[in-house]
C-alpha atoms as a PDB file:
ATOM      1  CA  MET A   1      -9.672  27.816  53.493  1.00  0.00           C
ATOM      2  CA  ASP A   2     -12.135  30.340  55.189  1.00  0.00           C
ATOM      3  CA  ILE A   3     -14.726  30.745  52.344  1.00  0.00           C
ATOM      4  CA  GLU A   4     -15.286  34.085  53.510  1.00  0.00           C
ATOM      5  CA  PHE A   5     -11.910  35.042  53.671  1.00  0.00           C
ATOM      6  CA  VAL A   6     -12.016  34.072  50.100  1.00  0.00           C
ATOM      7  CA  LYS A   7     -14.663  35.190  49.027  1.00  0.00           C
ATOM      8  CA  ARG A   8     -13.186  39.016  50.771  1.00  0.00           C
ATOM      9  CA  ALA A   9      -9.809  38.177  49.325  1.00  0.00           C
ATOM     10  CA  VAL A  10     -10.828  37.657  45.267  1.00  0.00           C
ATOM     11  CA  PRO A  11     -11.997  40.853  44.545  1.00  0.00           C
ATOM     12  CA  VAL A  12      -8.415  42.569  45.828  1.00  0.00           C
ATOM     13  CA  LEU A  13      -6.433  40.049  43.914  1.00  0.00           C
ATOM     14  CA  LEU A  14      -8.693  40.748  40.737  1.00  0.00           C
ATOM     15  CA  GLY A  15      -7.687  44.215  40.827  1.00  0.00           C
ATOM     16  CA  GLY A  16      -4.108  43.048  40.725  1.00  0.00           C
ATOM     17  CA  THR A  17      -4.416  40.470  38.492  1.00  0.00           C
ATOM     18  CA  LEU A  18      -5.459  43.342  35.792  1.00  0.00           C
ATOM     19  CA  ILE A  19      -2.077  45.533  37.167  1.00  0.00           C
ATOM     20  CA  THR A  20       0.140  42.217  36.205  1.00  0.00           C
ATOM     21  CA  LEU A  21      -1.349  41.743  32.777  1.00  0.00           C
ATOM     22  CA  GLN A  22      -0.930  45.060  31.942  1.00  0.00           C
ATOM     23  CA  ILE A  23       2.803  45.382  33.274  1.00  0.00           C
ATOM     24  CA  GLY A  24       3.837  41.604  31.563  1.00  0.00           C
ATOM     25  CA  GLY A  25       1.252  42.619  28.364  1.00  0.00           C
ATOM     26  CA  LEU A  26       3.778  46.529  27.854  1.00  0.00           C
ATOM     27  CA  SER A  27       7.214  44.725  29.146  1.00  0.00           C
ATOM     28  CA  LEU A  28       6.359  41.808  26.254  1.00  0.00           C
ATOM     29  CA  VAL A  29       5.555  44.310  23.890  1.00  0.00           C
ATOM     30  CA  LEU A  30       8.600  46.469  24.813  1.00  0.00           C
ATOM     31  CA  GLY A  31      10.774  43.995  24.585  1.00  0.00           C
ATOM     32  CA  LEU A  32       9.709  42.719  21.146  1.00  0.00           C
ATOM     33  CA  LEU A  33       9.999  45.868  19.881  1.00  0.00           C
ATOM     34  CA  LEU A  34      13.724  46.398  21.341  1.00  0.00           C
ATOM     35  CA  GLY A  35      14.561  42.607  20.352  1.00  0.00           C
ATOM     36  CA  ILE A  36      13.915  42.866  16.484  1.00  0.00           C
ATOM     37  CA  PRO A  37      16.009  45.109  15.479  1.00  0.00           C
ATOM     38  CA  LEU A  38      18.771  44.195  17.800  1.00  0.00           C
ATOM     39  CA  ALA A  39      18.066  40.383  16.216  1.00  0.00           C
ATOM     40  CA  PHE A  40      18.482  41.646  12.793  1.00  0.00           C
ATOM     41  CA  MET A  41      21.485  43.757  13.747  1.00  0.00           C
ATOM     42  CA  ARG A  42      22.825  40.038  15.601  1.00  0.00           C
ATOM     43  CA  VAL A  43      22.377  38.257  12.158  1.00  0.00           C
ATOM     44  CA  TYR A  44      24.103  41.130   9.469  1.00  0.00           C
ATOM     45  CA  GLY A  45      24.742  43.263  11.015  1.00  0.00           C
ATOM     46  CA  GLY A  46      28.801  43.963  11.146  1.00  0.00           C
ATOM     47  CA  ARG A  47      31.285  43.434  13.492  1.00  0.00           C
ATOM     48  CA  VAL A  48      30.419  46.325  15.957  1.00  0.00           C
ATOM     49  CA  LEU A  49      26.583  45.832  15.842  1.00  0.00           C
ATOM     50  CA  LYS A  50      27.088  42.067  17.006  1.00  0.00           C
ATOM     51  CA  GLY A  51      29.685  42.551  19.606  1.00  0.00           C
ATOM     52  CA  ILE A  52      26.876  45.928  20.898  1.00  0.00           C
ATOM     53  CA  THR A  53      23.851  43.196  20.618  1.00  0.00           C
ATOM     54  CA  LEU A  54      25.974  40.463  22.679  1.00  0.00           C
ATOM     55  CA  PHE A  55      27.380  42.615  24.906  1.00  0.00           C
ATOM     56  CA  TYR A  56      23.165  44.107  25.596  1.00  0.00           C
ATOM     57  CA  SER A  57      22.080  40.395  25.748  1.00  0.00           C
ATOM     58  CA  GLU A  58      24.789  39.297  28.095  1.00  0.00           C
ATOM     59  CA  ILE A  59      24.475  42.015  30.659  1.00  0.00           C
ATOM     60  CA  LEU A  60      20.560  42.000  31.172  1.00  0.00           C
ATOM     61  CA  ARG A  61      20.642  38.006  30.677  1.00  0.00           C
ATOM     62  CA  GLY A  62      23.768  37.783  33.227  1.00  0.00           C
ATOM     63  CA  THR A  63      21.728  39.970  35.904  1.00  0.00           C
ATOM     64  CA  PRO A  64      19.034  39.375  38.195  1.00  0.00           C
ATOM     65  CA  VAL A  65      16.087  41.526  37.009  1.00  0.00           C
ATOM     66  CA  LEU A  66      15.862  42.753  41.190  1.00  0.00           C
ATOM     67  CA  VAL A  67      19.130  44.424  40.180  1.00  0.00           C
ATOM     68  CA  GLN A  68      17.970  45.785  37.613  1.00  0.00           C
ATOM     69  CA  LEU A  69      14.448  46.945  38.619  1.00  0.00           C
ATOM     70  CA  PHE A  70      16.118  48.589  41.585  1.00  0.00           C
ATOM     71  CA  LEU A  71      19.201  50.219  39.664  1.00  0.00           C
ATOM     72  CA  ILE A  72      16.185  51.968  37.478  1.00  0.00           C
ATOM     73  CA  TYR A  73      13.956  52.646  40.122  1.00  0.00           C
ATOM     74  CA  TYR A  74      16.041  54.050  42.797  1.00  0.00           C
ATOM     75  CA  GLY A  75      19.518  54.540  40.952  1.00  0.00           C
ATOM     76  CA  LEU A  76      18.174  56.958  37.881  1.00  0.00           C
ATOM     77  CA  PRO A  77      16.935  59.529  40.761  1.00  0.00           C
ATOM     78  CA  GLN A  78      20.628  60.036  41.614  1.00  0.00           C
ATOM     79  CA  PHE A  79      20.596  61.592  37.794  1.00  0.00           C
ATOM     80  CA  GLY A  80      17.978  63.635  37.974  1.00  0.00           C
ATOM     81  CA  ILE A  81      15.516  61.161  35.590  1.00  0.00           C
ATOM     82  CA  VAL A  82      12.834  59.785  38.019  1.00  0.00           C
ATOM     83  CA  PHE A  83       9.893  56.721  37.007  1.00  0.00           C
ATOM     84  CA  ASP A  84       6.626  55.859  38.713  1.00  0.00           C
ATOM     85  CA  PRO A  85       6.921  52.086  40.136  1.00  0.00           C
ATOM     86  CA  ILE A  86       4.962  51.391  37.293  1.00  0.00           C
ATOM     87  CA  PRO A  87       6.554  52.992  34.435  1.00  0.00           C
ATOM     88  CA  ALA A  88       9.775  51.451  36.124  1.00  0.00           C
ATOM     89  CA  ALA A  89       8.620  48.364  36.433  1.00  0.00           C
ATOM     90  CA  PHE A  90       7.274  47.419  32.494  1.00  0.00           C
ATOM     91  CA  LEU A  91      10.740  49.412  31.485  1.00  0.00           C
ATOM     92  CA  THR A  92      12.458  46.818  33.428  1.00  0.00           C
ATOM     93  CA  LEU A  93      10.987  44.308  33.126  1.00  0.00           C
ATOM     94  CA  GLY A  94      10.828  45.446  29.352  1.00  0.00           C
ATOM     95  CA  ILE A  95      14.584  45.913  28.654  1.00  0.00           C
ATOM     96  CA  ASN A  96      15.219  42.285  30.445  1.00  0.00           C
ATOM     97  CA  SER A  97      12.693  40.752  28.505  1.00  0.00           C
ATOM     98  CA  ALA A  98      14.691  42.198  25.479  1.00  0.00           C
ATOM     99  CA  ALA A  99      17.473  40.470  26.177  1.00  0.00           C
ATOM    100  CA  TYR A 100      16.475  36.914  25.735  1.00  0.00           C
ATOM    101  CA  GLN A 101      14.015  38.053  22.982  1.00  0.00           C
ATOM    102  CA  VAL A 102      16.812  38.837  20.619  1.00  0.00           C
ATOM    103  CA  GLU A 103      18.852  35.424  21.494  1.00  0.00           C
ATOM    104  CA  TYR A 104      14.752  33.876  20.915  1.00  0.00           C
ATOM    105  CA  LEU A 105      14.384  35.964  17.003  1.00  0.00           C
ATOM    106  CA  ARG A 106      18.407  35.631  16.402  1.00  0.00           C
ATOM    107  CA  GLY A 107      17.449  31.748  15.635  1.00  0.00           C
ATOM    108  CA  ALA A 108      14.626  31.717  14.103  1.00  0.00           C
ATOM    109  CA  ILE A 109      15.739  34.058  11.792  1.00  0.00           C
ATOM    110  CA  THR A 110      19.250  32.096  11.230  1.00  0.00           C
ATOM    111  CA  SER A 111      16.625  28.831  10.571  1.00  0.00           C
ATOM    112  CA  VAL A 112      14.939  30.936   8.123  1.00  0.00           C
ATOM    113  CA  GLY A 113      17.939  30.568   6.196  1.00  0.00           C
ATOM    114  CA  GLU A 114      20.696  31.703   3.473  1.00  0.00           C
ATOM    115  CA  ASN A 115      19.277  31.188   0.622  1.00  0.00           C
ATOM    116  CA  GLN A 116      15.833  32.975   1.234  1.00  0.00           C
ATOM    117  CA  MET A 117      17.742  36.220   1.733  1.00  0.00           C
ATOM    118  CA  MET A 118      19.593  35.484  -1.808  1.00  0.00           C
ATOM    119  CA  ALA A 119      17.178  34.277  -3.684  1.00  0.00           C
ATOM    120  CA  ALA A 120      15.390  37.462  -2.446  1.00  0.00           C
ATOM    121  CA  ARG A 121      18.315  39.524  -3.343  1.00  0.00           C
ATOM    122  CA  SER A 122      18.369  37.737  -6.295  1.00  0.00           C
ATOM    123  CA  LEU A 123      14.940  39.083  -7.725  1.00  0.00           C
ATOM    124  CA  GLY A 124      16.089  42.692  -6.951  1.00  0.00           C
ATOM    125  CA  MET A 125      14.815  43.129  -3.805  1.00  0.00           C
ATOM    126  CA  SER A 126      17.124  45.134  -1.280  1.00  0.00           C
ATOM    127  CA  THR A 127      18.353  43.918   1.915  1.00  0.00           C
ATOM    128  CA  VAL A 128      15.262  45.719   4.167  1.00  0.00           C
ATOM    129  CA  LYS A 129      13.063  44.607   1.676  1.00  0.00           C
ATOM    130  CA  ALA A 130      13.950  40.928   2.078  1.00  0.00           C
ATOM    131  CA  ILE A 131      13.884  41.283   5.941  1.00  0.00           C
ATOM    132  CA  ARG A 132      10.804  43.231   6.237  1.00  0.00           C
ATOM    133  CA  CYS A 133       9.245  40.789   3.112  1.00  0.00           C
ATOM    134  CA  VAL A 134      10.450  37.372   3.168  1.00  0.00           C
ATOM    135  CA  ILE A 135      12.755  36.852   6.677  1.00  0.00           C
ATOM    136  CA  LEU A 136      10.691  38.405   9.390  1.00  0.00           C
ATOM    137  CA  PRO A 137       7.105  37.088   8.919  1.00  0.00           C
ATOM    138  CA  GLN A 138       8.599  33.575   8.846  1.00  0.00           C
ATOM    139  CA  ALA A 139      10.992  33.989  11.938  1.00  0.00           C
ATOM    140  CA  MET A 140       7.805  35.420  13.887  1.00  0.00           C
ATOM    141  CA  ARG A 141       6.188  32.417  13.320  1.00  0.00           C
ATOM    142  CA  LEU A 142       8.913  30.381  14.405  1.00  0.00           C
ATOM    143  CA  VAL A 143       9.860  32.057  16.974  1.00  0.00           C
ATOM    144  CA  LEU A 144       5.762  31.559  18.838  1.00  0.00           C
ATOM    145  CA  PRO A 145       7.074  28.401  20.762  1.00  0.00           C
ATOM    146  CA  SER A 146       9.844  30.019  22.681  1.00  0.00           C
ATOM    147  CA  TRP A 147       8.231  33.660  22.581  1.00  0.00           C
ATOM    148  CA  SER A 148       5.521  32.115  24.262  1.00  0.00           C
ATOM    149  CA  ASN A 149       7.804  30.643  27.045  1.00  0.00           C
ATOM    150  CA  GLU A 150       8.708  34.082  27.745  1.00  0.00           C
ATOM    151  CA  ALA A 151       5.015  35.192  28.117  1.00  0.00           C
ATOM    152  CA  ILE A 152       4.789  32.692  30.114  1.00  0.00           C
ATOM    153  CA  TYR A 153       8.153  33.598  32.215  1.00  0.00           C
ATOM    154  CA  MET A 154       6.528  37.456  32.062  1.00  0.00           C
ATOM    155  CA  ILE A 155       3.785  36.358  33.988  1.00  0.00           C
ATOM    156  CA  LYS A 156       5.677  34.875  36.630  1.00  0.00           C
ATOM    157  CA  ASN A 157       8.431  37.597  36.775  1.00  0.00           C
ATOM    158  CA  THR A 158       6.452  40.637  37.489  1.00  0.00           C
ATOM    159  CA  ALA A 159       5.982  39.499  41.102  1.00  0.00           C
ATOM    160  CA  VAL A 160       9.212  41.064  41.699  1.00  0.00           C
ATOM    161  CA  VAL A 161       7.784  44.762  40.949  1.00  0.00           C
ATOM    162  CA  TYR A 162       5.734  44.705  44.362  1.00  0.00           C
ATOM    163  CA  LEU A 163       9.574  45.611  46.085  1.00  0.00           C
ATOM    164  CA  ILE A 164       9.009  49.089  44.484  1.00  0.00           C
ATOM    165  CA  ALA A 165       5.154  49.309  45.993  1.00  0.00           C
ATOM    166  CA  VAL A 166       2.761  48.502  42.580  1.00  0.00           C
ATOM    167  CA  PRO A 167      -0.211  47.446  43.452  1.00  0.00           C
ATOM    168  CA  ASP A 168       0.037  44.115  41.012  1.00  0.00           C
ATOM    169  CA  LEU A 169      -1.195  40.332  42.473  1.00  0.00           C
ATOM    170  CA  MET A 170       1.575  40.526  44.802  1.00  0.00           C
ATOM    171  CA  THR A 171       1.579  43.326  46.631  1.00  0.00           C
ATOM    172  CA  LYS A 172      -2.556  42.888  46.708  1.00  0.00           C
ATOM    173  CA  THR A 173      -1.351  39.482  48.538  1.00  0.00           C
ATOM    174  CA  LYS A 174       1.320  41.776  50.995  1.00  0.00           C
ATOM    175  CA  ILE A 175      -1.941  44.337  52.238  1.00  0.00           C
ATOM    176  CA  MET A 176      -4.244  40.699  52.706  1.00  0.00           C
ATOM    177  CA  ILE A 177      -1.490  39.658  55.023  1.00  0.00           C
ATOM    178  CA  ALA A 178      -1.197  42.740  56.623  1.00  0.00           C
ATOM    179  CA  ARG A 179      -4.700  42.879  57.590  1.00  0.00           C
ATOM    180  CA  TYR A 180      -5.944  39.499  58.145  1.00  0.00           C
ATOM    181  CA  TYR A 181      -3.008  37.829  59.293  1.00  0.00           C
ATOM    182  CA  ASN A 182      -3.185  34.442  57.503  1.00  0.00           C
ATOM    183  CA  PRO A 183       0.040  34.390  55.402  1.00  0.00           C
ATOM    184  CA  ILE A 184      -0.359  30.491  54.045  1.00  0.00           C
ATOM    185  CA  GLU A 185      -4.646  30.876  52.840  1.00  0.00           C
ATOM    186  CA  SER A 186      -3.203  34.265  50.967  1.00  0.00           C
ATOM    187  CA  TYR A 187      -0.567  32.941  49.783  1.00  0.00           C
ATOM    188  CA  MET A 188      -2.180  29.971  49.051  1.00  0.00           C
ATOM    189  CA  LEU A 189      -4.618  31.575  46.832  1.00  0.00           C
ATOM    190  CA  VAL A 190      -2.097  33.779  45.105  1.00  0.00           C
ATOM    191  CA  SER A 191      -0.601  31.402  43.466  1.00  0.00           C
ATOM    192  CA  ILE A 192      -4.372  29.350  42.144  1.00  0.00           C
ATOM    193  CA  PHE A 193      -4.117  33.062  41.008  1.00  0.00           C
ATOM    194  CA  TYR A 194      -0.996  32.726  38.973  1.00  0.00           C
ATOM    195  CA  LEU A 195      -1.264  29.254  37.676  1.00  0.00           C
ATOM    196  CA  VAL A 196      -4.592  29.912  36.394  1.00  0.00           C
ATOM    197  CA  LEU A 197      -3.019  32.884  34.439  1.00  0.00           C
ATOM    198  CA  VAL A 198      -0.291  30.670  33.069  1.00  0.00           C
ATOM    199  CA  ALA A 199      -2.649  28.089  31.949  1.00  0.00           C
ATOM    200  CA  LEU A 200      -4.801  30.142  30.268  1.00  0.00           C
ATOM    201  CA  ALA A 201      -1.797  32.047  28.400  1.00  0.00           C
ATOM    202  CA  THR A 202      -0.648  28.565  27.666  1.00  0.00           C
ATOM    203  CA  LEU A 203      -4.070  27.201  25.895  1.00  0.00           C
ATOM    204  CA  ILE A 204      -4.159  31.013  24.299  1.00  0.00           C
ATOM    205  CA  PHE A 205      -0.485  30.501  22.621  1.00  0.00           C
ATOM    206  CA  HIS A 206      -0.550  26.652  21.931  1.00  0.00           C
ATOM    207  CA  SER A 207      -3.968  27.334  19.901  1.00  0.00           C
ATOM    208  CA  ILE A 208      -1.943  30.920  17.824  1.00  0.00           C
ATOM    209  CA  GLU A 209       0.932  28.127  17.212  1.00  0.00           C
ATOM    210  CA  ARG A 210      -0.989  25.647  16.107  1.00  0.00           C
ATOM    211  CA  ASN A 211      -2.885  28.248  13.523  1.00  0.00           C
ATOM    212  CA  LEU A 212       0.527  30.653  12.184  1.00  0.00           C
ATOM    213  CA  LYS A 213       2.940  27.159  12.022  1.00  0.00           C
ATOM    214  CA  ILE A 214       4.909  26.742   8.891  1.00  0.00           C
ATOM    215  CA  PRO A 215       3.915  23.316   7.250  1.00  0.00           C
ATOM    216  CA  GLY A 216       8.113  21.421   7.174  1.00  0.00           C
ATOM    217  CA  LEU A 217       9.902  24.762   8.450  1.00  0.00           C
ATOM    218  CA  GLN A 218       9.070  23.792  12.263  1.00  0.00           C
ATOM    219  CA  LEU A 219      11.754  24.748  15.211  1.00  0.00           C
ATOM    220  CA  GLU A 220      11.171  22.061  17.782  1.00  0.00           C
ATOM    221  CA  GLU A 221      11.121  23.122  20.696  1.00  0.00           C
ATOM    222  CA  ARG A 222      11.591  21.709  24.309  1.00  0.00           C
ATOM    223  CA  ARG A 223       9.170  23.113  26.466  1.00  0.00           C
END
């Protein structure tokens, strides 16, 4: 790989990395904010609420994220709803991530066990207070292994947003290819960037898992 090209490309890709991290971070937070209430609806809701959350999860997980992105960015303007590229990107990835996070959180909630809910209720707690004070803190710690995998997937999934002209890592790579006519070197370099981001995310989340794990009450996750 040409050293001069690397010197020119690295600052450009660093700018794209910031956009990638911003979109990935916002999408994960949005997915979590949607996923938590949907997961509790899935576990403790009635038949209707469980059906709604199941429908949401199956539809979003069963269709390609690229199709969802195009529907939001190109389809919604037909109904007068227009999003700029970056909001459309994090909204799409966020609602898609929520569909997966619902399943991760549902498994963590059910692993806490009904006995703890019964014990909290027997102490006079309401269902909402029992969820907030007893079930949710444990579930959030138990879900970390699965949630960390979702964060890693999100870093890679952000690559699709270049198709709506979001200036992320892939868009910056396409610009460099058009400018310097060296696709092999450009794709190799951006691959290194993605590998570094994934490796750093893996190390960070492994450290968090070790510090927050509940002795004797862990979910065995295959990575």
